[in-house]
Amino acid sequence: MLRLMIYNDEVVTLEFVIESLVEVCDHHIEQAEQCAWLLYFTGKCQIKNGERNQIYPMYKELLSRGFNVDIL
């Protein structure tokens, strides 16, 4: 099982993080808000677990939106 991680780059806004997690990762708004605050306060957040075929498209889309993401 792979983990999709997002890292704080201090460029994108909390609102953009929340919007993107809802659109790309299918998060509920509350879940996206929690991830955004974790990202803000700790500098990173695990946003999704799954198989490569599920995680990789999300990874590519978040990269295209300017996020600093990684698959572990």
C-alpha atoms as a PDB file:
ATOM      1  CA  MET A   1       0.000   0.000   0.000  1.00  0.00           C
ATOM      2  CA  LEU A   2       1.347   3.410  -1.010  1.00  0.00           C
ATOM      3  CA  ARG A   3       0.957   6.701   0.831  1.00  0.00           C
ATOM      4  CA  LEU A   4       0.427  10.052  -0.867  1.00  0.00           C
ATOM      5  CA  MET A   5       2.109  12.825   1.114  1.00  0.00           C
ATOM      6  CA  ILE A   6       1.765  16.570   0.687  1.00  0.00           C
ATOM      7  CA  TYR A   7       4.321  19.077   1.970  1.00  0.00           C
ATOM      8  CA  ASN A   8       3.972  22.737   2.860  1.00  0.00           C
ATOM      9  CA  ASP A   9       5.710  25.047   0.414  1.00  0.00           C
ATOM     10  CA  GLU A  10       4.290  28.243   1.939  1.00  0.00           C
ATOM     11  CA  VAL A  11       3.035  29.319  -1.500  1.00  0.00           C
ATOM     12  CA  VAL A  12      -0.470  27.876  -1.879  1.00  0.00           C
ATOM     13  CA  THR A  13      -3.330  29.108   0.297  1.00  0.00           C
ATOM     14  CA  LEU A  14      -5.275  26.991   2.762  1.00  0.00           C
ATOM     15  CA  GLU A  15      -8.362  27.516   0.621  1.00  0.00           C
ATOM     16  CA  PHE A  16      -6.584  26.157  -2.466  1.00  0.00           C
ATOM     17  CA  VAL A  17      -5.336  23.138  -0.507  1.00  0.00           C
ATOM     18  CA  ILE A  18      -8.849  22.378   0.727  1.00  0.00           C
ATOM     19  CA  GLU A  19     -10.411  22.859  -2.706  1.00  0.00           C
ATOM     20  CA  SER A  20      -7.810  20.633  -4.359  1.00  0.00           C
ATOM     21  CA  LEU A  21      -8.102  17.823  -1.796  1.00  0.00           C
ATOM     22  CA  VAL A  22     -11.866  17.785  -2.275  1.00  0.00           C
ATOM     23  CA  GLU A  23     -11.605  17.788  -6.077  1.00  0.00           C
ATOM     24  CA  VAL A  24      -8.581  15.533  -6.588  1.00  0.00           C
ATOM     25  CA  CYS A  25      -8.598  13.175  -3.605  1.00  0.00           C
ATOM     26  CA  ASP A  26     -12.357  12.992  -3.039  1.00  0.00           C
ATOM     27  CA  HIS A  27     -12.018  14.261   0.538  1.00  0.00           C
ATOM     28  CA  HIS A  28     -15.041  15.541   2.421  1.00  0.00           C
ATOM     29  CA  ILE A  29     -14.683  19.226   3.244  1.00  0.00           C
ATOM     30  CA  GLU A  30     -13.995  18.487   6.935  1.00  0.00           C
ATOM     31  CA  GLN A  31     -11.290  15.967   6.072  1.00  0.00           C
ATOM     32  CA  ALA A  32      -9.688  18.414   3.638  1.00  0.00           C
ATOM     33  CA  GLU A  33      -9.737  21.159   6.275  1.00  0.00           C
ATOM     34  CA  GLN A  34      -8.053  18.886   8.823  1.00  0.00           C
ATOM     35  CA  CYS A  35      -5.354  17.957   6.306  1.00  0.00           C
ATOM     36  CA  ALA A  36      -4.814  21.606   5.412  1.00  0.00           C
ATOM     37  CA  TRP A  37      -4.310  22.569   9.064  1.00  0.00           C
ATOM     38  CA  LEU A  38      -1.949  19.632   9.648  1.00  0.00           C
ATOM     39  CA  LEU A  39      -0.019  20.736   6.586  1.00  0.00           C
ATOM     40  CA  TYR A  40       0.112  24.297   7.877  1.00  0.00           C
ATOM     41  CA  PHE A  41       1.240  23.409  11.410  1.00  0.00           C
ATOM     42  CA  THR A  42       3.492  20.367  10.807  1.00  0.00           C
ATOM     43  CA  GLY A  43       4.682  20.960   7.254  1.00  0.00           C
ATOM     44  CA  LYS A  44       3.357  17.680   5.877  1.00  0.00           C
ATOM     45  CA  CYS A  45       0.303  15.475   5.787  1.00  0.00           C
ATOM     46  CA  GLN A  46      -0.509  12.004   4.546  1.00  0.00           C
ATOM     47  CA  ILE A  47      -3.545  12.614   2.357  1.00  0.00           C
ATOM     48  CA  LYS A  48      -4.325   9.225   0.848  1.00  0.00           C
ATOM     49  CA  ASN A  49      -3.452   5.533   1.060  1.00  0.00           C
ATOM     50  CA  GLY A  50      -3.987   3.121  -1.774  1.00  0.00           C
ATOM     51  CA  GLU A  51      -2.676   1.156  -4.676  1.00  0.00           C
ATOM     52  CA  ARG A  52      -0.529   2.702  -7.395  1.00  0.00           C
ATOM     53  CA  ASN A  53      -3.369   2.879  -9.930  1.00  0.00           C
ATOM     54  CA  GLN A  54      -5.399   4.966  -7.441  1.00  0.00           C
ATOM     55  CA  ILE A  55      -2.601   7.136  -6.018  1.00  0.00           C
ATOM     56  CA  TYR A  56      -0.573   7.981  -9.133  1.00  0.00           C
ATOM     57  CA  PRO A  57      -3.279   9.986 -10.981  1.00  0.00           C
ATOM     58  CA  MET A  58      -3.874  12.045  -7.824  1.00  0.00           C
ATOM     59  CA  TYR A  59      -0.129  12.602  -7.498  1.00  0.00           C
ATOM     60  CA  LYS A  60       0.148  13.826 -11.097  1.00  0.00           C
ATOM     61  CA  GLU A  61      -2.848  16.159 -10.764  1.00  0.00           C
ATOM     62  CA  LEU A  62      -1.583  17.681  -7.508  1.00  0.00           C
ATOM     63  CA  LEU A  63       1.831  18.216  -9.105  1.00  0.00           C
ATOM     64  CA  SER A  64       0.172  19.992 -12.021  1.00  0.00           C
ATOM     65  CA  ARG A  65      -1.555  22.299  -9.519  1.00  0.00           C
ATOM     66  CA  GLY A  66       1.801  23.260  -8.037  1.00  0.00           C
ATOM     67  CA  PHE A  67       1.815  21.144  -4.889  1.00  0.00           C
ATOM     68  CA  ASN A  68       4.897  19.527  -3.376  1.00  0.00           C
ATOM     69  CA  VAL A  69       3.786  15.877  -3.139  1.00  0.00           C
ATOM     70  CA  ASP A  70       5.453  12.498  -2.877  1.00  0.00           C
ATOM     71  CA  ILE A  71       4.490   8.842  -3.009  1.00  0.00           C
ATOM     72  CA  LEU A  72       5.965   6.691  -0.252  1.00  0.00           C
END
